[in-house]
Amino acid sequence: MRTGQQYKESLADGRLTYFEGKQIDDLETHPILGQTVDATAAGYDRFYDPAPEAMSPLMTVPRSADDLREMIPMLHSAGMMAHVTYTSIQTLKTAAGRMVDSKPD
């Protein structure tokens, strides 16, 4: 798991980022995107666990409808970025097992 600071540092990996048609060299100091970086970093810090095998509770796969219902308050409080990311990952996990049957290549 990463801390918020580690997340911020990971953004300086040479990727090219554009916003409103302009290249952004430093996401963290950008007046608009910097707010998103800060909010995302806060989410990393909120769920950070220093244990070597720790995993964000947002990446936990619910095993039942009741498990999912129990996660909903955490998802709602995690912020929009975390909520959208979690939902997208769960959608991909659901689809991945079905895709190989219909399009194995």
PDB file of N, CA and C in Angstrom:
ATOM      1  N   MET A   1       0.840  -1.186   0.000  1.00  0.00           N
ATOM      2  CA  MET A   1       0.000   0.000   0.000  1.00  0.00           C
ATOM      3  C   MET A   1       0.880   1.243   0.000  1.00  0.00           C
ATOM      4  N   ARG A   2       0.352   2.287  -0.542  1.00  0.00           N
ATOM      5  CA  ARG A   2       1.059   3.560  -0.582  1.00  0.00           C
ATOM      6  C   ARG A   2       0.447   4.549   0.395  1.00  0.00           C
ATOM      7  N   THR A   3       1.287   5.468   0.835  1.00  0.00           N
ATOM      8  CA  THR A   3       0.793   6.615   1.591  1.00  0.00           C
ATOM      9  C   THR A   3       0.367   7.674   0.578  1.00  0.00           C
ATOM     10  N   GLY A   4      -0.262   8.711   1.064  1.00  0.00           N
ATOM     11  CA  GLY A   4      -0.638   9.808   0.192  1.00  0.00           C
ATOM     12  C   GLY A   4       0.578  10.446  -0.462  1.00  0.00           C
ATOM     13  N   GLN A   5       1.643  10.606   0.306  1.00  0.00           N
ATOM     14  CA  GLN A   5       2.858  11.202  -0.240  1.00  0.00           C
ATOM     15  C   GLN A   5       3.469  10.306  -1.317  1.00  0.00           C
ATOM     16  N   GLN A   6       3.468   9.011  -1.083  1.00  0.00           N
ATOM     17  CA  GLN A   6       3.990   8.082  -2.092  1.00  0.00           C
ATOM     18  C   GLN A   6       3.150   8.141  -3.369  1.00  0.00           C
ATOM     19  N   TYR A   7       1.852   8.274  -3.215  1.00  0.00           N
ATOM     20  CA  TYR A   7       0.978   8.431  -4.379  1.00  0.00           C
ATOM     21  C   TYR A   7       1.380   9.682  -5.162  1.00  0.00           C
ATOM     22  N   LYS A   8       1.551  10.799  -4.455  1.00  0.00           N
ATOM     23  CA  LYS A   8       1.931  12.049  -5.121  1.00  0.00           C
ATOM     24  C   LYS A   8       3.259  11.888  -5.848  1.00  0.00           C
ATOM     25  N   GLU A   9       4.211  11.256  -5.204  1.00  0.00           N
ATOM     26  CA  GLU A   9       5.523  11.046  -5.823  1.00  0.00           C
ATOM     27  C   GLU A   9       5.412  10.157  -7.064  1.00  0.00           C
ATOM     28  N   SER A  10       4.477   9.219  -7.059  1.00  0.00           N
ATOM     29  CA  SER A  10       4.328   8.309  -8.197  1.00  0.00           C
ATOM     30  C   SER A  10       3.839   9.037  -9.445  1.00  0.00           C
ATOM     31  N   LEU A  11       3.252  10.200  -9.286  1.00  0.00           N
ATOM     32  CA  LEU A  11       2.745  10.951 -10.433  1.00  0.00           C
ATOM     33  C   LEU A  11       3.870  11.559 -11.275  1.00  0.00           C
ATOM     34  N   ALA A  12       5.043  11.678 -10.677  1.00  0.00           N
ATOM     35  CA  ALA A  12       6.186  12.253 -11.397  1.00  0.00           C
ATOM     36  C   ALA A  12       6.978  11.143 -12.072  1.00  0.00           C
ATOM     37  N   ASP A  13       6.304  10.361 -12.905  1.00  0.00           N
ATOM     38  CA  ASP A  13       6.942   9.207 -13.539  1.00  0.00           C
ATOM     39  C   ASP A  13       7.179   9.414 -15.029  1.00  0.00           C
ATOM     40  N   GLY A  14       7.066  10.641 -15.478  1.00  0.00           N
ATOM     41  CA  GLY A  14       7.308  10.934 -16.883  1.00  0.00           C
ATOM     42  C   GLY A  14       6.062  10.927 -17.754  1.00  0.00           C
ATOM     43  N   ARG A  15       4.919  10.634 -17.163  1.00  0.00           N
ATOM     44  CA  ARG A  15       3.683  10.624 -17.961  1.00  0.00           C
ATOM     45  C   ARG A  15       3.362  12.032 -18.459  1.00  0.00           C
ATOM     46  N   LEU A  16       2.729  12.104 -19.581  1.00  0.00           N
ATOM     47  CA  LEU A  16       2.280  13.377 -20.121  1.00  0.00           C
ATOM     48  C   LEU A  16       0.809  13.539 -19.764  1.00  0.00           C
ATOM     49  N   THR A  17       0.490  14.665 -19.162  1.00  0.00           N
ATOM     50  CA  THR A  17      -0.885  14.931 -18.761  1.00  0.00           C
ATOM     51  C   THR A  17      -1.332  16.233 -19.398  1.00  0.00           C
ATOM     52  N   TYR A  18      -2.523  16.209 -19.977  1.00  0.00           N
ATOM     53  CA  TYR A  18      -3.083  17.399 -20.600  1.00  0.00           C
ATOM     54  C   TYR A  18      -4.416  17.709 -19.952  1.00  0.00           C
ATOM     55  N   PHE A  19      -4.687  18.989 -19.791  1.00  0.00           N
ATOM     56  CA  PHE A  19      -5.953  19.439 -19.233  1.00  0.00           C
ATOM     57  C   PHE A  19      -6.363  20.692 -19.991  1.00  0.00           C
ATOM     58  N   GLU A  20      -7.552  20.677 -20.531  1.00  0.00           N
ATOM     59  CA  GLU A  20      -8.078  21.789 -21.314  1.00  0.00           C
ATOM     60  C   GLU A  20      -7.104  22.210 -22.411  1.00  0.00           C
ATOM     61  N   GLY A  21      -6.513  21.203 -23.068  1.00  0.00           N
ATOM     62  CA  GLY A  21      -5.640  21.441 -24.198  1.00  0.00           C
ATOM     63  C   GLY A  21      -4.224  21.873 -23.867  1.00  0.00           C
ATOM     64  N   LYS A  22      -3.874  21.936 -22.587  1.00  0.00           N
ATOM     65  CA  LYS A  22      -2.529  22.358 -22.193  1.00  0.00           C
ATOM     66  C   LYS A  22      -1.839  21.246 -21.415  1.00  0.00           C
ATOM     67  N   GLN A  23      -0.535  21.099 -21.688  1.00  0.00           N
ATOM     68  CA  GLN A  23       0.239  20.100 -20.946  1.00  0.00           C
ATOM     69  C   GLN A  23       0.454  20.598 -19.521  1.00  0.00           C
ATOM     70  N   ILE A  24       0.246  19.689 -18.570  1.00  0.00           N
ATOM     71  CA  ILE A  24       0.430  20.010 -17.152  1.00  0.00           C
ATOM     72  C   ILE A  24       1.699  19.323 -16.694  1.00  0.00           C
ATOM     73  N   ASP A  25       2.679  20.110 -16.273  1.00  0.00           N
ATOM     74  CA  ASP A  25       3.963  19.550 -15.850  1.00  0.00           C
ATOM     75  C   ASP A  25       3.951  19.079 -14.402  1.00  0.00           C
ATOM     76  N   ASP A  26       3.161  19.726 -13.561  1.00  0.00           N
ATOM     77  CA  ASP A  26       3.135  19.369 -12.140  1.00  0.00           C
ATOM     78  C   ASP A  26       1.677  19.308 -11.677  1.00  0.00           C
ATOM     79  N   LEU A  27       1.147  18.100 -11.617  1.00  0.00           N
ATOM     80  CA  LEU A  27      -0.262  17.925 -11.235  1.00  0.00           C
ATOM     81  C   LEU A  27      -0.543  18.474  -9.842  1.00  0.00           C
ATOM     82  N   GLU A  28       0.392  18.271  -8.938  1.00  0.00           N
ATOM     83  CA  GLU A  28       0.161  18.647  -7.541  1.00  0.00           C
ATOM     84  C   GLU A  28      -0.024  20.149  -7.347  1.00  0.00           C
ATOM     85  N   THR A  29       0.644  20.959  -8.147  1.00  0.00           N
ATOM     86  CA  THR A  29       0.534  22.408  -7.971  1.00  0.00           C
ATOM     87  C   THR A  29      -0.487  23.059  -8.896  1.00  0.00           C
ATOM     88  N   HIS A  30      -1.094  22.270  -9.778  1.00  0.00           N
ATOM     89  CA  HIS A  30      -2.106  22.823 -10.680  1.00  0.00           C
ATOM     90  C   HIS A  30      -3.306  23.274  -9.855  1.00  0.00           C
ATOM     91  N   PRO A  31      -3.875  24.468 -10.153  1.00  0.00           N
ATOM     92  CA  PRO A  31      -4.970  24.983  -9.324  1.00  0.00           C
ATOM     93  C   PRO A  31      -6.226  24.120  -9.295  1.00  0.00           C
ATOM     94  N   ILE A  32      -6.494  23.370 -10.346  1.00  0.00           N
ATOM     95  CA  ILE A  32      -7.681  22.501 -10.363  1.00  0.00           C
ATOM     96  C   ILE A  32      -7.293  21.048 -10.102  1.00  0.00           C
ATOM     97  N   LEU A  33      -6.368  20.518 -10.891  1.00  0.00           N
ATOM     98  CA  LEU A  33      -5.992  19.110 -10.738  1.00  0.00           C
ATOM     99  C   LEU A  33      -5.295  18.846  -9.409  1.00  0.00           C
ATOM    100  N   GLY A  34      -4.655  19.844  -8.864  1.00  0.00           N
ATOM    101  CA  GLY A  34      -4.008  19.688  -7.560  1.00  0.00           C
ATOM    102  C   GLY A  34      -5.007  19.337  -6.465  1.00  0.00           C
ATOM    103  N   GLN A  35      -6.212  19.847  -6.589  1.00  0.00           N
ATOM    104  CA  GLN A  35      -7.260  19.515  -5.608  1.00  0.00           C
ATOM    105  C   GLN A  35      -7.609  18.030  -5.676  1.00  0.00           C
ATOM    106  N   THR A  36      -7.646  17.501  -6.893  1.00  0.00           N
ATOM    107  CA  THR A  36      -7.919  16.076  -7.076  1.00  0.00           C
ATOM    108  C   THR A  36      -6.776  15.239  -6.531  1.00  0.00           C
ATOM    109  N   VAL A  37      -5.542  15.678  -6.781  1.00  0.00           N
ATOM    110  CA  VAL A  37      -4.373  14.970  -6.247  1.00  0.00           C
ATOM    111  C   VAL A  37      -4.439  14.944  -4.720  1.00  0.00           C
ATOM    112  N   ASP A  38      -4.748  16.070  -4.110  1.00  0.00           N
ATOM    113  CA  ASP A  38      -4.825  16.133  -2.641  1.00  0.00           C
ATOM    114  C   ASP A  38      -5.936  15.232  -2.094  1.00  0.00           C
ATOM    115  N   ALA A  39      -7.087  15.246  -2.755  1.00  0.00           N
ATOM    116  CA  ALA A  39      -8.205  14.408  -2.299  1.00  0.00           C
ATOM    117  C   ALA A  39      -7.859  12.929  -2.429  1.00  0.00           C
ATOM    118  N   THR A  40      -7.218  12.557  -3.514  1.00  0.00           N
ATOM    119  CA  THR A  40      -6.831  11.165  -3.714  1.00  0.00           C
ATOM    120  C   THR A  40      -5.774  10.755  -2.701  1.00  0.00           C
ATOM    121  N   ALA A  41      -4.799  11.628  -2.450  1.00  0.00           N
ATOM    122  CA  ALA A  41      -3.754  11.343  -1.454  1.00  0.00           C
ATOM    123  C   ALA A  41      -4.364  11.164  -0.068  1.00  0.00           C
ATOM    124  N   ALA A  42      -5.359  11.953   0.258  1.00  0.00           N
ATOM    125  CA  ALA A  42      -6.029  11.816   1.552  1.00  0.00           C
ATOM    126  C   ALA A  42      -6.696  10.445   1.670  1.00  0.00           C
ATOM    127  N   GLY A  43      -7.246   9.955   0.567  1.00  0.00           N
ATOM    128  CA  GLY A  43      -7.841   8.616   0.571  1.00  0.00           C
ATOM    129  C   GLY A  43      -6.798   7.543   0.799  1.00  0.00           C
ATOM    130  N   TYR A  44      -5.629   7.695   0.178  1.00  0.00           N
ATOM    131  CA  TYR A  44      -4.540   6.746   0.422  1.00  0.00           C
ATOM    132  C   TYR A  44      -4.185   6.743   1.906  1.00  0.00           C
ATOM    133  N   ASP A  45      -4.059   7.930   2.479  1.00  0.00           N
ATOM    134  CA  ASP A  45      -3.688   8.019   3.897  1.00  0.00           C
ATOM    135  C   ASP A  45      -4.777   7.455   4.806  1.00  0.00           C
ATOM    136  N   ARG A  46      -6.010   7.671   4.437  1.00  0.00           N
ATOM    137  CA  ARG A  46      -7.125   7.189   5.268  1.00  0.00           C
ATOM    138  C   ARG A  46      -7.111   5.670   5.412  1.00  0.00           C
ATOM    139  N   PHE A  47      -6.798   4.972   4.338  1.00  0.00           N
ATOM    140  CA  PHE A  47      -6.854   3.519   4.361  1.00  0.00           C
ATOM    141  C   PHE A  47      -5.480   2.859   4.474  1.00  0.00           C
ATOM    142  N   TYR A  48      -4.441   3.663   4.660  1.00  0.00           N
ATOM    143  CA  TYR A  48      -3.077   3.120   4.712  1.00  0.00           C
ATOM    144  C   TYR A  48      -2.891   2.180   5.898  1.00  0.00           C
ATOM    145  N   ASP A  49      -2.229   1.070   5.635  1.00  0.00           N
ATOM    146  CA  ASP A  49      -1.853   0.105   6.661  1.00  0.00           C
ATOM    147  C   ASP A  49      -0.418  -0.304   6.332  1.00  0.00           C
ATOM    148  N   PRO A  50       0.520  -0.116   7.257  1.00  0.00           N
ATOM    149  CA  PRO A  50       1.923  -0.408   6.950  1.00  0.00           C
ATOM    150  C   PRO A  50       2.280  -1.896   6.900  1.00  0.00           C
ATOM    151  N   ALA A  51       1.354  -2.772   7.222  1.00  0.00           N
ATOM    152  CA  ALA A  51       1.647  -4.206   7.194  1.00  0.00           C
ATOM    153  C   ALA A  51       2.085  -4.624   5.785  1.00  0.00           C
ATOM    154  N   PRO A  52       3.087  -5.495   5.686  1.00  0.00           N
ATOM    155  CA  PRO A  52       3.627  -5.877   4.365  1.00  0.00           C
ATOM    156  C   PRO A  52       2.588  -6.416   3.381  1.00  0.00           C
ATOM    157  N   GLU A  53       1.630  -7.163   3.841  1.00  0.00           N
ATOM    158  CA  GLU A  53       0.626  -7.754   2.947  1.00  0.00           C
ATOM    159  C   GLU A  53      -0.697  -6.991   2.964  1.00  0.00           C
ATOM    160  N   ALA A  54      -0.687  -5.773   3.479  1.00  0.00           N
ATOM    161  CA  ALA A  54      -1.924  -4.998   3.602  1.00  0.00           C
ATOM    162  C   ALA A  54      -2.501  -4.669   2.232  1.00  0.00           C
ATOM    163  N   MET A  55      -3.818  -4.588   2.199  1.00  0.00           N
ATOM    164  CA  MET A  55      -4.524  -4.234   0.975  1.00  0.00           C
ATOM    165  C   MET A  55      -5.653  -3.282   1.359  1.00  0.00           C
ATOM    166  N   SER A  56      -5.865  -2.304   0.543  1.00  0.00           N
ATOM    167  CA  SER A  56      -6.926  -1.344   0.813  1.00  0.00           C
ATOM    168  C   SER A  56      -8.262  -2.074   0.934  1.00  0.00           C
ATOM    169  N   PRO A  57      -9.074  -1.703   1.907  1.00  0.00           N
ATOM    170  CA  PRO A  57     -10.400  -2.313   2.000  1.00  0.00           C
ATOM    171  C   PRO A  57     -11.256  -1.991   0.779  1.00  0.00           C
ATOM    172  N   LEU A  58     -10.872  -0.971   0.038  1.00  0.00           N
ATOM    173  CA  LEU A  58     -11.600  -0.648  -1.187  1.00  0.00           C
ATOM    174  C   LEU A  58     -11.362  -1.672  -2.286  1.00  0.00           C
ATOM    175  N   MET A  59     -10.338  -2.487  -2.134  1.00  0.00           N
ATOM    176  CA  MET A  59     -10.035  -3.509  -3.132  1.00  0.00           C
ATOM    177  C   MET A  59     -10.552  -4.882  -2.724  1.00  0.00           C
ATOM    178  N   THR A  60     -11.236  -4.952  -1.623  1.00  0.00           N
ATOM    179  CA  THR A  60     -11.817  -6.205  -1.154  1.00  0.00           C
ATOM    180  C   THR A  60     -12.993  -6.588  -2.048  1.00  0.00           C
ATOM    181  N   VAL A  61     -13.022  -7.825  -2.436  1.00  0.00           N
ATOM    182  CA  VAL A  61     -14.124  -8.308  -3.272  1.00  0.00           C
ATOM    183  C   VAL A  61     -15.222  -8.830  -2.346  1.00  0.00           C
ATOM    184  N   PRO A  62     -16.407  -8.247  -2.414  1.00  0.00           N
ATOM    185  CA  PRO A  62     -17.499  -8.756  -1.585  1.00  0.00           C
ATOM    186  C   PRO A  62     -17.873 -10.170  -2.017  1.00  0.00           C
ATOM    187  N   ARG A  63     -18.129 -11.015  -1.049  1.00  0.00           N
ATOM    188  CA  ARG A  63     -18.468 -12.416  -1.334  1.00  0.00           C
ATOM    189  C   ARG A  63     -19.972 -12.663  -1.346  1.00  0.00           C
ATOM    190  N   SER A  64     -20.720 -11.650  -0.951  1.00  0.00           N
ATOM    191  CA  SER A  64     -22.175 -11.808  -0.918  1.00  0.00           C
ATOM    192  C   SER A  64     -22.823 -10.427  -1.022  1.00  0.00           C
ATOM    193  N   ALA A  65     -24.118 -10.429  -1.206  1.00  0.00           N
ATOM    194  CA  ALA A  65     -24.854  -9.166  -1.244  1.00  0.00           C
ATOM    195  C   ALA A  65     -24.729  -8.452   0.098  1.00  0.00           C
ATOM    196  N   ASP A  66     -24.728  -9.209   1.194  1.00  0.00           N
ATOM    197  CA  ASP A  66     -24.581  -8.597   2.519  1.00  0.00           C
ATOM    198  C   ASP A  66     -23.206  -7.950   2.673  1.00  0.00           C
ATOM    199  N   ASP A  67     -22.149  -8.603   2.164  1.00  0.00           N
ATOM    200  CA  ASP A  67     -20.810  -8.005   2.201  1.00  0.00           C
ATOM    201  C   ASP A  67     -20.799  -6.666   1.460  1.00  0.00           C
ATOM    202  N   LEU A  68     -21.431  -6.653   0.298  1.00  0.00           N
ATOM    203  CA  LEU A  68     -21.472  -5.426  -0.493  1.00  0.00           C
ATOM    204  C   LEU A  68     -22.253  -4.340   0.247  1.00  0.00           C
ATOM    205  N   ARG A  69     -23.386  -4.707   0.825  1.00  0.00           N
ATOM    206  CA  ARG A  69     -24.175  -3.732   1.586  1.00  0.00           C
ATOM    207  C   ARG A  69     -23.359  -3.131   2.732  1.00  0.00           C
ATOM    208  N   GLU A  70     -22.544  -3.952   3.382  1.00  0.00           N
ATOM    209  CA  GLU A  70     -21.717  -3.464   4.482  1.00  0.00           C
ATOM    210  C   GLU A  70     -20.628  -2.506   3.992  1.00  0.00           C
ATOM    211  N   MET A  71     -20.201  -2.648   2.755  1.00  0.00           N
ATOM    212  CA  MET A  71     -19.159  -1.785   2.201  1.00  0.00           C
ATOM    213  C   MET A  71     -19.682  -0.428   1.738  1.00  0.00           C
ATOM    214  N   ILE A  72     -20.959  -0.330   1.469  1.00  0.00           N
ATOM    215  CA  ILE A  72     -21.513   0.884   0.875  1.00  0.00           C
ATOM    216  C   ILE A  72     -21.198   2.148   1.685  1.00  0.00           C
ATOM    217  N   PRO A  73     -21.378   2.164   3.004  1.00  0.00           N
ATOM    218  CA  PRO A  73     -21.029   3.392   3.739  1.00  0.00           C
ATOM    219  C   PRO A  73     -19.555   3.784   3.566  1.00  0.00           C
ATOM    220  N   MET A  74     -18.662   2.806   3.569  1.00  0.00           N
ATOM    221  CA  MET A  74     -17.246   3.105   3.386  1.00  0.00           C
ATOM    222  C   MET A  74     -17.011   3.682   1.984  1.00  0.00           C
ATOM    223  N   LEU A  75     -17.637   3.093   0.973  1.00  0.00           N
ATOM    224  CA  LEU A  75     -17.481   3.585  -0.397  1.00  0.00           C
ATOM    225  C   LEU A  75     -17.982   5.014  -0.531  1.00  0.00           C
ATOM    226  N   HIS A  76     -19.110   5.304   0.079  1.00  0.00           N
ATOM    227  CA  HIS A  76     -19.660   6.658  -0.007  1.00  0.00           C
ATOM    228  C   HIS A  76     -18.771   7.662   0.718  1.00  0.00           C
ATOM    229  N   SER A  77     -18.150   7.254   1.795  1.00  0.00           N
ATOM    230  CA  SER A  77     -17.300   8.181   2.547  1.00  0.00           C
ATOM    231  C   SER A  77     -15.886   8.278   1.980  1.00  0.00           C
ATOM    232  N   ALA A  78     -15.539   7.402   1.066  1.00  0.00           N
ATOM    233  CA  ALA A  78     -14.176   7.374   0.531  1.00  0.00           C
ATOM    234  C   ALA A  78     -13.917   8.483  -0.487  1.00  0.00           C
ATOM    235  N   GLY A  79     -14.940   9.087  -1.000  1.00  0.00           N
ATOM    236  CA  GLY A  79     -14.765  10.135  -1.999  1.00  0.00           C
ATOM    237  C   GLY A  79     -15.059   9.606  -3.388  1.00  0.00           C
ATOM    238  N   MET A  80     -15.347  10.528  -4.279  1.00  0.00           N
ATOM    239  CA  MET A  80     -15.765  10.159  -5.625  1.00  0.00           C
ATOM    240  C   MET A  80     -14.691   9.400  -6.393  1.00  0.00           C
ATOM    241  N   MET A  81     -13.433   9.835  -6.301  1.00  0.00           N
ATOM    242  CA  MET A  81     -12.372   9.159  -7.048  1.00  0.00           C
ATOM    243  C   MET A  81     -12.257   7.694  -6.627  1.00  0.00           C
ATOM    244  N   ALA A  82     -12.245   7.448  -5.332  1.00  0.00           N
ATOM    245  CA  ALA A  82     -12.133   6.074  -4.838  1.00  0.00           C
ATOM    246  C   ALA A  82     -13.374   5.272  -5.212  1.00  0.00           C
ATOM    247  N   HIS A  83     -14.520   5.888  -5.101  1.00  0.00           N
ATOM    248  CA  HIS A  83     -15.768   5.194  -5.403  1.00  0.00           C
ATOM    249  C   HIS A  83     -15.809   4.784  -6.879  1.00  0.00           C
ATOM    250  N   VAL A  84     -15.464   5.693  -7.766  1.00  0.00           N
ATOM    251  CA  VAL A  84     -15.474   5.387  -9.203  1.00  0.00           C
ATOM    252  C   VAL A  84     -14.432   4.321  -9.527  1.00  0.00           C
ATOM    253  N   THR A  85     -13.253   4.439  -8.939  1.00  0.00           N
ATOM    254  CA  THR A  85     -12.202   3.449  -9.183  1.00  0.00           C
ATOM    255  C   THR A  85     -12.650   2.072  -8.716  1.00  0.00           C
ATOM    256  N   TYR A  86     -13.189   1.984  -7.504  1.00  0.00           N
ATOM    257  CA  TYR A  86     -13.659   0.710  -6.966  1.00  0.00           C
ATOM    258  C   TYR A  86     -14.726   0.102  -7.878  1.00  0.00           C
ATOM    259  N   THR A  87     -15.697   0.905  -8.257  1.00  0.00           N
ATOM    260  CA  THR A  87     -16.783   0.417  -9.096  1.00  0.00           C
ATOM    261  C   THR A  87     -16.250  -0.080 -10.442  1.00  0.00           C
ATOM    262  N   SER A  88     -15.297   0.648 -11.006  1.00  0.00           N
ATOM    263  CA  SER A  88     -14.717   0.243 -12.294  1.00  0.00           C
ATOM    264  C   SER A  88     -13.958  -1.073 -12.174  1.00  0.00           C
ATOM    265  N   ILE A  89     -13.180  -1.223 -11.111  1.00  0.00           N
ATOM    266  CA  ILE A  89     -12.422  -2.459 -10.907  1.00  0.00           C
ATOM    267  C   ILE A  89     -13.365  -3.637 -10.712  1.00  0.00           C
ATOM    268  N   GLN A  90     -14.419  -3.450  -9.943  1.00  0.00           N
ATOM    269  CA  GLN A  90     -15.367  -4.535  -9.727  1.00  0.00           C
ATOM    270  C   GLN A  90     -16.071  -4.911 -11.027  1.00  0.00           C
ATOM    271  N   THR A  91     -16.358  -3.927 -11.869  1.00  0.00           N
ATOM    272  CA  THR A  91     -16.973  -4.204 -13.166  1.00  0.00           C
ATOM    273  C   THR A  91     -16.027  -5.027 -14.031  1.00  0.00           C
ATOM    274  N   LEU A  92     -14.753  -4.650 -14.053  1.00  0.00           N
ATOM    275  CA  LEU A  92     -13.770  -5.406 -14.839  1.00  0.00           C
ATOM    276  C   LEU A  92     -13.604  -6.824 -14.311  1.00  0.00           C
ATOM    277  N   LYS A  93     -13.605  -6.979 -12.985  1.00  0.00           N
ATOM    278  CA  LYS A  93     -13.485  -8.324 -12.411  1.00  0.00           C
ATOM    279  C   LYS A  93     -14.673  -9.184 -12.819  1.00  0.00           C
ATOM    280  N   THR A  94     -15.840  -8.590 -12.852  1.00  0.00           N
ATOM    281  CA  THR A  94     -17.039  -9.326 -13.240  1.00  0.00           C
ATOM    282  C   THR A  94     -16.980  -9.696 -14.721  1.00  0.00           C
ATOM    283  N   ALA A  95     -16.588  -8.745 -15.544  1.00  0.00           N
ATOM    284  CA  ALA A  95     -16.566  -8.976 -16.986  1.00  0.00           C
ATOM    285  C   ALA A  95     -15.437  -9.903 -17.421  1.00  0.00           C
ATOM    286  N   ALA A  96     -14.306  -9.859 -16.745  1.00  0.00           N
ATOM    287  CA  ALA A  96     -13.134 -10.617 -17.174  1.00  0.00           C
ATOM    288  C   ALA A  96     -13.422 -12.106 -17.291  1.00  0.00           C
ATOM    289  N   GLY A  97     -14.125 -12.646 -16.338  1.00  0.00           N
ATOM    290  CA  GLY A  97     -14.435 -14.065 -16.370  1.00  0.00           C
ATOM    291  C   GLY A  97     -15.377 -14.445 -17.486  1.00  0.00           C
ATOM    292  N   ARG A  98     -16.122 -13.504 -17.973  1.00  0.00           N
ATOM    293  CA  ARG A  98     -17.084 -13.784 -19.047  1.00  0.00           C
ATOM    294  C   ARG A  98     -16.506 -13.520 -20.428  1.00  0.00           C
ATOM    295  N   MET A  99     -15.519 -12.664 -20.488  1.00  0.00           N
ATOM    296  CA  MET A  99     -14.974 -12.267 -21.784  1.00  0.00           C
ATOM    297  C   MET A  99     -14.230 -13.401 -22.473  1.00  0.00           C
ATOM    298  N   VAL A 100     -13.547 -14.226 -21.724  1.00  0.00           N
ATOM    299  CA  VAL A 100     -12.759 -15.300 -22.325  1.00  0.00           C
ATOM    300  C   VAL A 100     -13.656 -16.287 -23.078  1.00  0.00           C
ATOM    301  N   ASP A 101     -14.877 -16.463 -22.620  1.00  0.00           N
ATOM    302  CA  ASP A 101     -15.787 -17.384 -23.303  1.00  0.00           C
ATOM    303  C   ASP A 101     -16.277 -16.826 -24.643  1.00  0.00           C
ATOM    304  N   SER A 102     -16.508 -15.528 -24.683  1.00  0.00           N
ATOM    305  CA  SER A 102     -17.068 -14.947 -25.903  1.00  0.00           C
ATOM    306  C   SER A 102     -16.004 -14.438 -26.861  1.00  0.00           C
ATOM    307  N   LYS A 103     -14.828 -14.095 -26.348  1.00  0.00           N
ATOM    308  CA  LYS A 103     -13.763 -13.576 -27.223  1.00  0.00           C
ATOM    309  C   LYS A 103     -12.416 -13.982 -26.613  1.00  0.00           C
ATOM    310  N   PRO A 104     -12.012 -15.224 -26.769  1.00  0.00           N
ATOM    311  CA  PRO A 104     -10.812 -15.726 -26.123  1.00  0.00           C
ATOM    312  C   PRO A 104      -9.517 -15.040 -26.553  1.00  0.00           C
ATOM    313  N   ASP A 105      -9.501 -14.471 -27.752  1.00  0.00           N
ATOM    314  CA  ASP A 105      -8.285 -13.784 -28.198  1.00  0.00           C
ATOM    315  C   ASP A 105      -8.196 -12.432 -27.574  1.00  0.00           C
TER     316      ASP A 105
END
